[in-house]
Amino acid sequence: MGKKTHVDKDRELAEHLPLLRCECGAEILLLPDLKVMNHAIEVHVANHRKKEKDRTKAAKVASHIRQILIEQLFEKAGELDK
């Protein structure tokens, strides 16, 4: 096996970090600060909302993205506690 590249090392490191993964592929590092985590999630939700032109659809998308990220937040936080 050849020498590991920086990309390989970064991927290995990322596998062990507590990350929230959005269905769009974006990753948010889980931090022990609720205020910071809320801000990071809401910024990401806002990015999804901006992509939708229809206000009703944008609100539904935002709610869905927020829900999946918060669910992951609780799951990951529970795993760290073990």
PDB file of N, CA and C in Angstrom:
ATOM      1  N   MET A   1       0.847  -1.183   0.000  1.00  0.00           N
ATOM      2  CA  MET A   1       0.000   0.000   0.000  1.00  0.00           C
ATOM      3  C   MET A   1       0.888   1.240   0.000  1.00  0.00           C
ATOM      4  N   GLY A   2       0.477   2.248  -0.761  1.00  0.00           N
ATOM      5  CA  GLY A   2       1.277   3.457  -0.900  1.00  0.00           C
ATOM      6  C   GLY A   2       1.139   4.394   0.275  1.00  0.00           C
ATOM      7  N   LYS A   3       1.876   5.462   0.184  1.00  0.00           N
ATOM      8  CA  LYS A   3       1.854   6.485   1.219  1.00  0.00           C
ATOM      9  C   LYS A   3       0.506   7.204   1.217  1.00  0.00           C
ATOM     10  N   LYS A   4       0.000   7.510   2.403  1.00  0.00           N
ATOM     11  CA  LYS A   4      -1.286   8.194   2.514  1.00  0.00           C
ATOM     12  C   LYS A   4      -1.137   9.660   2.131  1.00  0.00           C
ATOM     13  N   THR A   5      -2.114  10.135   1.379  1.00  0.00           N
ATOM     14  CA  THR A   5      -2.130  11.537   0.996  1.00  0.00           C
ATOM     15  C   THR A   5      -2.814  12.356   2.083  1.00  0.00           C
ATOM     16  N   HIS A   6      -2.738  13.658   1.945  1.00  0.00           N
ATOM     17  CA  HIS A   6      -3.424  14.542   2.898  1.00  0.00           C
ATOM     18  C   HIS A   6      -4.929  14.297   2.852  1.00  0.00           C
ATOM     19  N   VAL A   7      -5.459  14.031   1.665  1.00  0.00           N
ATOM     20  CA  VAL A   7      -6.891  13.774   1.523  1.00  0.00           C
ATOM     21  C   VAL A   7      -7.270  12.506   2.276  1.00  0.00           C
ATOM     22  N   ASP A   8      -6.458  11.462   2.147  1.00  0.00           N
ATOM     23  CA  ASP A   8      -6.725  10.213   2.871  1.00  0.00           C
ATOM     24  C   ASP A   8      -6.701  10.439   4.375  1.00  0.00           C
ATOM     25  N   LYS A   9      -5.724  11.187   4.831  1.00  0.00           N
ATOM     26  CA  LYS A   9      -5.611  11.477   6.262  1.00  0.00           C
ATOM     27  C   LYS A   9      -6.800  12.299   6.750  1.00  0.00           C
ATOM     28  N   ASP A  10      -7.232  13.269   5.941  1.00  0.00           N
ATOM     29  CA  ASP A  10      -8.386  14.090   6.300  1.00  0.00           C
ATOM     30  C   ASP A  10      -9.651  13.239   6.387  1.00  0.00           C
ATOM     31  N   ARG A  11      -9.816  12.317   5.455  1.00  0.00           N
ATOM     32  CA  ARG A  11     -10.997  11.443   5.482  1.00  0.00           C
ATOM     33  C   ARG A  11     -10.991  10.549   6.717  1.00  0.00           C
ATOM     34  N   GLU A  12      -9.830  10.019   7.073  1.00  0.00           N
ATOM     35  CA  GLU A  12      -9.732   9.172   8.265  1.00  0.00           C
ATOM     36  C   GLU A  12     -10.079   9.971   9.516  1.00  0.00           C
ATOM     37  N   LEU A  13      -9.571  11.180   9.594  1.00  0.00           N
ATOM     38  CA  LEU A  13      -9.861  12.046  10.739  1.00  0.00           C
ATOM     39  C   LEU A  13     -11.353  12.363  10.806  1.00  0.00           C
ATOM     40  N   ALA A  14     -11.948  12.683   9.667  1.00  0.00           N
ATOM     41  CA  ALA A  14     -13.363  13.038   9.621  1.00  0.00           C
ATOM     42  C   ALA A  14     -14.254  11.878  10.048  1.00  0.00           C
ATOM     43  N   GLU A  15     -13.818  10.657   9.789  1.00  0.00           N
ATOM     44  CA  GLU A  15     -14.602   9.484  10.180  1.00  0.00           C
ATOM     45  C   GLU A  15     -14.754   9.388  11.696  1.00  0.00           C
ATOM     46  N   HIS A  16     -13.828   9.959  12.436  1.00  0.00           N
ATOM     47  CA  HIS A  16     -13.841   9.863  13.892  1.00  0.00           C
ATOM     48  C   HIS A  16     -14.362  11.124  14.576  1.00  0.00           C
ATOM     49  N   LEU A  17     -14.645  12.152  13.803  1.00  0.00           N
ATOM     50  CA  LEU A  17     -15.184  13.384  14.373  1.00  0.00           C
ATOM     51  C   LEU A  17     -16.702  13.282  14.470  1.00  0.00           C
ATOM     52  N   PRO A  18     -17.286  13.886  15.488  1.00  0.00           N
ATOM     53  CA  PRO A  18     -18.744  13.885  15.586  1.00  0.00           C
ATOM     54  C   PRO A  18     -19.328  14.929  14.629  1.00  0.00           C
ATOM     55  N   LEU A  19     -19.755  14.471  13.466  1.00  0.00           N
ATOM     56  CA  LEU A  19     -20.266  15.364  12.436  1.00  0.00           C
ATOM     57  C   LEU A  19     -21.741  15.138  12.189  1.00  0.00           C
ATOM     58  N   LEU A  20     -22.461  16.228  11.990  1.00  0.00           N
ATOM     59  CA  LEU A  20     -23.826  16.150  11.503  1.00  0.00           C
ATOM     60  C   LEU A  20     -23.720  16.208   9.988  1.00  0.00           C
ATOM     61  N   ARG A  21     -24.431  15.322   9.315  1.00  0.00           N
ATOM     62  CA  ARG A  21     -24.359  15.289   7.857  1.00  0.00           C
ATOM     63  C   ARG A  21     -25.736  15.573   7.262  1.00  0.00           C
ATOM     64  N   CYS A  22     -25.806  16.646   6.513  1.00  0.00           N
ATOM     65  CA  CYS A  22     -27.043  17.011   5.841  1.00  0.00           C
ATOM     66  C   CYS A  22     -27.210  16.132   4.606  1.00  0.00           C
ATOM     67  N   GLU A  23     -28.449  15.986   4.166  1.00  0.00           N
ATOM     68  CA  GLU A  23     -28.686  15.188   2.969  1.00  0.00           C
ATOM     69  C   GLU A  23     -28.083  15.833   1.724  1.00  0.00           C
ATOM     70  N   CYS A  24     -27.718  17.110   1.793  1.00  0.00           N
ATOM     71  CA  CYS A  24     -27.066  17.777   0.656  1.00  0.00           C
ATOM     72  C   CYS A  24     -25.568  17.461   0.612  1.00  0.00           C
ATOM     73  N   GLY A  25     -25.052  16.829   1.679  1.00  0.00           N
ATOM     74  CA  GLY A  25     -23.636  16.476   1.725  1.00  0.00           C
ATOM     75  C   GLY A  25     -22.812  17.352   2.652  1.00  0.00           C
ATOM     76  N   ALA A  26     -23.382  18.456   3.086  1.00  0.00           N
ATOM     77  CA  ALA A  26     -22.656  19.348   3.993  1.00  0.00           C
ATOM     78  C   ALA A  26     -22.475  18.679   5.350  1.00  0.00           C
ATOM     79  N   GLU A  27     -21.377  19.013   6.010  1.00  0.00           N
ATOM     80  CA  GLU A  27     -21.069  18.467   7.323  1.00  0.00           C
ATOM     81  C   GLU A  27     -20.893  19.607   8.316  1.00  0.00           C
ATOM     82  N   ILE A  28     -21.431  19.405   9.517  1.00  0.00           N
ATOM     83  CA  ILE A  28     -21.323  20.395  10.588  1.00  0.00           C
ATOM     84  C   ILE A  28     -20.707  19.690  11.788  1.00  0.00           C
ATOM     85  N   LEU A  29     -19.602  20.210  12.259  1.00  0.00           N
ATOM     86  CA  LEU A  29     -18.915  19.631  13.405  1.00  0.00           C
ATOM     87  C   LEU A  29     -19.735  19.849  14.671  1.00  0.00           C
ATOM     88  N   LEU A  30     -19.952  18.780  15.419  1.00  0.00           N
ATOM     89  CA  LEU A  30     -20.678  18.857  16.681  1.00  0.00           C
ATOM     90  C   LEU A  30     -19.777  19.505  17.731  1.00  0.00           C
ATOM     91  N   LEU A  31     -20.265  20.583  18.312  1.00  0.00           N
ATOM     92  CA  LEU A  31     -19.519  21.316  19.333  1.00  0.00           C
ATOM     93  C   LEU A  31     -20.301  21.318  20.637  1.00  0.00           C
ATOM     94  N   PRO A  32     -19.627  21.401  21.766  1.00  0.00           N
ATOM     95  CA  PRO A  32     -20.319  21.359  23.062  1.00  0.00           C
ATOM     96  C   PRO A  32     -20.918  22.704  23.493  1.00  0.00           C
ATOM     97  N   ASP A  33     -21.276  23.523  22.541  1.00  0.00           N
ATOM     98  CA  ASP A  33     -21.853  24.833  22.838  1.00  0.00           C
ATOM     99  C   ASP A  33     -23.192  24.930  22.108  1.00  0.00           C
ATOM    100  N   LEU A  34     -24.276  24.875  22.846  1.00  0.00           N
ATOM    101  CA  LEU A  34     -25.612  24.849  22.251  1.00  0.00           C
ATOM    102  C   LEU A  34     -25.880  26.080  21.389  1.00  0.00           C
ATOM    103  N   LYS A  35     -25.464  27.229  21.853  1.00  0.00           N
ATOM    104  CA  LYS A  35     -25.699  28.471  21.107  1.00  0.00           C
ATOM    105  C   LYS A  35     -24.983  28.432  19.750  1.00  0.00           C
ATOM    106  N   VAL A  36     -23.765  27.954  19.732  1.00  0.00           N
ATOM    107  CA  VAL A  36     -22.981  27.865  18.497  1.00  0.00           C
ATOM    108  C   VAL A  36     -23.584  26.812  17.564  1.00  0.00           C
ATOM    109  N   MET A  37     -24.000  25.667  18.126  1.00  0.00           N
ATOM    110  CA  MET A  37     -24.602  24.611  17.309  1.00  0.00           C
ATOM    111  C   MET A  37     -25.906  25.098  16.686  1.00  0.00           C
ATOM    112  N   ASN A  38     -26.729  25.775  17.466  1.00  0.00           N
ATOM    113  CA  ASN A  38     -27.980  26.308  16.949  1.00  0.00           C
ATOM    114  C   ASN A  38     -27.706  27.275  15.803  1.00  0.00           C
ATOM    115  N   HIS A  39     -26.726  28.131  15.975  1.00  0.00           N
ATOM    116  CA  HIS A  39     -26.379  29.096  14.928  1.00  0.00           C
ATOM    117  C   HIS A  39     -25.921  28.374  13.660  1.00  0.00           C
ATOM    118  N   ALA A  40     -25.066  27.369  13.800  1.00  0.00           N
ATOM    119  CA  ALA A  40     -24.563  26.632  12.638  1.00  0.00           C
ATOM    120  C   ALA A  40     -25.704  25.940  11.890  1.00  0.00           C
ATOM    121  N   ILE A  41     -26.617  25.338  12.635  1.00  0.00           N
ATOM    122  CA  ILE A  41     -27.766  24.663  12.010  1.00  0.00           C
ATOM    123  C   ILE A  41     -28.648  25.683  11.302  1.00  0.00           C
ATOM    124  N   GLU A  42     -28.940  26.792  11.955  1.00  0.00           N
ATOM    125  CA  GLU A  42     -29.825  27.795  11.357  1.00  0.00           C
ATOM    126  C   GLU A  42     -29.208  28.454  10.121  1.00  0.00           C
ATOM    127  N   VAL A  43     -27.901  28.639  10.112  1.00  0.00           N
ATOM    128  CA  VAL A  43     -27.229  29.173   8.915  1.00  0.00           C
ATOM    129  C   VAL A  43     -27.383  28.186   7.763  1.00  0.00           C
ATOM    130  N   HIS A  44     -27.209  26.910   8.060  1.00  0.00           N
ATOM    131  CA  HIS A  44     -27.339  25.894   7.015  1.00  0.00           C
ATOM    132  C   HIS A  44     -28.790  25.812   6.529  1.00  0.00           C
ATOM    133  N   VAL A  45     -29.727  25.852   7.448  1.00  0.00           N
ATOM    134  CA  VAL A  45     -31.153  25.829   7.088  1.00  0.00           C
ATOM    135  C   VAL A  45     -31.482  27.031   6.193  1.00  0.00           C
ATOM    136  N   ALA A  46     -30.955  28.191   6.525  1.00  0.00           N
ATOM    137  CA  ALA A  46     -31.200  29.402   5.733  1.00  0.00           C
ATOM    138  C   ALA A  46     -30.675  29.239   4.308  1.00  0.00           C
ATOM    139  N   ASN A  47     -29.541  28.566   4.167  1.00  0.00           N
ATOM    140  CA  ASN A  47     -29.001  28.322   2.817  1.00  0.00           C
ATOM    141  C   ASN A  47     -29.949  27.459   1.998  1.00  0.00           C
ATOM    142  N   HIS A  48     -30.530  26.458   2.618  1.00  0.00           N
ATOM    143  CA  HIS A  48     -31.508  25.622   1.914  1.00  0.00           C
ATOM    144  C   HIS A  48     -32.753  26.436   1.569  1.00  0.00           C
ATOM    145  N   ARG A  49     -33.200  27.260   2.512  1.00  0.00           N
ATOM    146  CA  ARG A  49     -34.400  28.068   2.297  1.00  0.00           C
ATOM    147  C   ARG A  49     -34.213  29.013   1.111  1.00  0.00           C
ATOM    148  N   LYS A  50     -33.029  29.605   0.992  1.00  0.00           N
ATOM    149  CA  LYS A  50     -32.751  30.565  -0.093  1.00  0.00           C
ATOM    150  C   LYS A  50     -32.826  29.921  -1.473  1.00  0.00           C
ATOM    151  N   LYS A  51     -32.580  28.623  -1.534  1.00  0.00           N
ATOM    152  CA  LYS A  51     -32.575  27.930  -2.831  1.00  0.00           C
ATOM    153  C   LYS A  51     -33.980  27.735  -3.386  1.00  0.00           C
ATOM    154  N   GLU A  52     -34.983  27.825  -2.526  1.00  0.00           N
ATOM    155  CA  GLU A  52     -36.372  27.621  -2.940  1.00  0.00           C
ATOM    156  C   GLU A  52     -37.038  28.966  -3.223  1.00  0.00           C
ATOM    157  N   LYS A  53     -37.640  29.081  -4.386  1.00  0.00           N
ATOM    158  CA  LYS A  53     -38.306  30.332  -4.746  1.00  0.00           C
ATOM    159  C   LYS A  53     -39.698  30.421  -4.116  1.00  0.00           C
ATOM    160  N   ASP A  54     -40.390  29.292  -4.039  1.00  0.00           N
ATOM    161  CA  ASP A  54     -41.731  29.249  -3.454  1.00  0.00           C
ATOM    162  C   ASP A  54     -41.627  29.295  -1.935  1.00  0.00           C
ATOM    163  N   ARG A  55     -42.288  30.258  -1.309  1.00  0.00           N
ATOM    164  CA  ARG A  55     -42.176  30.458   0.148  1.00  0.00           C
ATOM    165  C   ARG A  55     -42.691  29.263   0.941  1.00  0.00           C
ATOM    166  N   THR A  56     -43.785  28.663   0.490  1.00  0.00           N
ATOM    167  CA  THR A  56     -44.352  27.512   1.199  1.00  0.00           C
ATOM    168  C   THR A  56     -43.396  26.336   1.139  1.00  0.00           C
ATOM    169  N   LYS A  57     -42.866  26.097  -0.046  1.00  0.00           N
ATOM    170  CA  LYS A  57     -41.911  24.991  -0.209  1.00  0.00           C
ATOM    171  C   LYS A  57     -40.632  25.273   0.587  1.00  0.00           C
ATOM    172  N   ALA A  58     -40.188  26.518   0.584  1.00  0.00           N
ATOM    173  CA  ALA A  58     -38.980  26.899   1.323  1.00  0.00           C
ATOM    174  C   ALA A  58     -39.156  26.634   2.816  1.00  0.00           C
ATOM    175  N   ALA A  59     -40.327  26.940   3.342  1.00  0.00           N
ATOM    176  CA  ALA A  59     -40.593  26.712   4.767  1.00  0.00           C
ATOM    177  C   ALA A  59     -40.586  25.216   5.081  1.00  0.00           C
ATOM    178  N   LYS A  60     -41.159  24.404   4.184  1.00  0.00           N
ATOM    179  CA  LYS A  60     -41.174  22.950   4.382  1.00  0.00           C
ATOM    180  C   LYS A  60     -39.773  22.374   4.323  1.00  0.00           C
ATOM    181  N   VAL A  61     -38.985  22.832   3.358  1.00  0.00           N
ATOM    182  CA  VAL A  61     -37.606  22.362   3.224  1.00  0.00           C
ATOM    183  C   VAL A  61     -36.806  22.745   4.462  1.00  0.00           C
ATOM    184  N   ALA A  62     -36.964  23.980   4.920  1.00  0.00           N
ATOM    185  CA  ALA A  62     -36.237  24.452   6.095  1.00  0.00           C
ATOM    186  C   ALA A  62     -36.591  23.616   7.317  1.00  0.00           C
ATOM    187  N   SER A  63     -37.864  23.345   7.486  1.00  0.00           N
ATOM    188  CA  SER A  63     -38.309  22.540   8.621  1.00  0.00           C
ATOM    189  C   SER A  63     -37.735  21.124   8.550  1.00  0.00           C
ATOM    190  N   HIS A  64     -37.747  20.540   7.373  1.00  0.00           N
ATOM    191  CA  HIS A  64     -37.209  19.188   7.181  1.00  0.00           C
ATOM    192  C   HIS A  64     -35.711  19.136   7.493  1.00  0.00           C
ATOM    193  N   ILE A  65     -34.958  20.069   6.959  1.00  0.00           N
ATOM    194  CA  ILE A  65     -33.504  20.092   7.171  1.00  0.00           C
ATOM    195  C   ILE A  65     -33.200  20.311   8.649  1.00  0.00           C
ATOM    196  N   ARG A  66     -33.898  21.240   9.267  1.00  0.00           N
ATOM    197  CA  ARG A  66     -33.702  21.512  10.699  1.00  0.00           C
ATOM    198  C   ARG A  66     -33.971  20.236  11.507  1.00  0.00           C
ATOM    199  N   GLN A  67     -35.052  19.543  11.188  1.00  0.00           N
ATOM    200  CA  GLN A  67     -35.433  18.333  11.905  1.00  0.00           C
ATOM    201  C   GLN A  67     -34.364  17.246  11.800  1.00  0.00           C
ATOM    202  N   ILE A  68     -33.865  16.991  10.587  1.00  0.00           N
ATOM    203  CA  ILE A  68     -32.875  15.916  10.444  1.00  0.00           C
ATOM    204  C   ILE A  68     -31.562  16.261  11.147  1.00  0.00           C
ATOM    205  N   LEU A  69     -31.189  17.533  11.115  1.00  0.00           N
ATOM    206  CA  LEU A  69     -29.943  17.926  11.776  1.00  0.00           C
ATOM    207  C   LEU A  69     -30.081  17.866  13.301  1.00  0.00           C
ATOM    208  N   ILE A  70     -31.218  18.277  13.824  1.00  0.00           N
ATOM    209  CA  ILE A  70     -31.425  18.223  15.273  1.00  0.00           C
ATOM    210  C   ILE A  70     -31.494  16.769  15.750  1.00  0.00           C
ATOM    211  N   GLU A  71     -32.140  15.908  14.975  1.00  0.00           N
ATOM    212  CA  GLU A  71     -32.179  14.481  15.331  1.00  0.00           C
ATOM    213  C   GLU A  71     -30.762  13.916  15.423  1.00  0.00           C
ATOM    214  N   GLN A  72     -29.944  14.249  14.427  1.00  0.00           N
ATOM    215  CA  GLN A  72     -28.550  13.788  14.447  1.00  0.00           C
ATOM    216  C   GLN A  72     -27.796  14.361  15.635  1.00  0.00           C
ATOM    217  N   LEU A  73     -28.069  15.612  15.956  1.00  0.00           N
ATOM    218  CA  LEU A  73     -27.418  16.269  17.083  1.00  0.00           C
ATOM    219  C   LEU A  73     -27.649  15.476  18.369  1.00  0.00           C
ATOM    220  N   PHE A  74     -28.898  15.091  18.612  1.00  0.00           N
ATOM    221  CA  PHE A  74     -29.210  14.315  19.814  1.00  0.00           C
ATOM    222  C   PHE A  74     -28.590  12.921  19.763  1.00  0.00           C
ATOM    223  N   GLU A  75     -28.621  12.286  18.590  1.00  0.00           N
ATOM    224  CA  GLU A  75     -28.025  10.955  18.451  1.00  0.00           C
ATOM    225  C   GLU A  75     -26.519  11.000  18.730  1.00  0.00           C
ATOM    226  N   LYS A  76     -25.838  11.950  18.104  1.00  0.00           N
ATOM    227  CA  LYS A  76     -24.383  12.056  18.269  1.00  0.00           C
ATOM    228  C   LYS A  76     -24.019  12.427  19.703  1.00  0.00           C
ATOM    229  N   ALA A  77     -24.775  13.337  20.296  1.00  0.00           N
ATOM    230  CA  ALA A  77     -24.490  13.748  21.679  1.00  0.00           C
ATOM    231  C   ALA A  77     -24.662  12.544  22.608  1.00  0.00           C
ATOM    232  N   GLY A  78     -25.672  11.724  22.352  1.00  0.00           N
ATOM    233  CA  GLY A  78     -25.884  10.519  23.151  1.00  0.00           C
ATOM    234  C   GLY A  78     -24.752   9.521  22.999  1.00  0.00           C
ATOM    235  N   GLU A  79     -24.210   9.412  21.788  1.00  0.00           N
ATOM    236  CA  GLU A  79     -23.092   8.493  21.541  1.00  0.00           C
ATOM    237  C   GLU A  79     -21.834   8.951  22.266  1.00  0.00           C
ATOM    238  N   LEU A  80     -21.631  10.265  22.350  1.00  0.00           N
ATOM    239  CA  LEU A  80     -20.436  10.805  23.005  1.00  0.00           C
ATOM    240  C   LEU A  80     -20.480  10.571  24.516  1.00  0.00           C
ATOM    241  N   ASP A  81     -21.676  10.454  25.040  1.00  0.00           N
ATOM    242  CA  ASP A  81     -21.873  10.286  26.470  1.00  0.00           C
ATOM    243  C   ASP A  81     -21.501   8.876  26.937  1.00  0.00           C
ATOM    244  N   LYS A  82     -21.428   7.933  25.993  1.00  0.00           N
ATOM    245  CA  LYS A  82     -21.175   6.535  26.333  1.00  0.00           C
ATOM    246  C   LYS A  82     -19.703   6.252  26.542  1.00  0.00           C
TER     247      LYS A  82
END
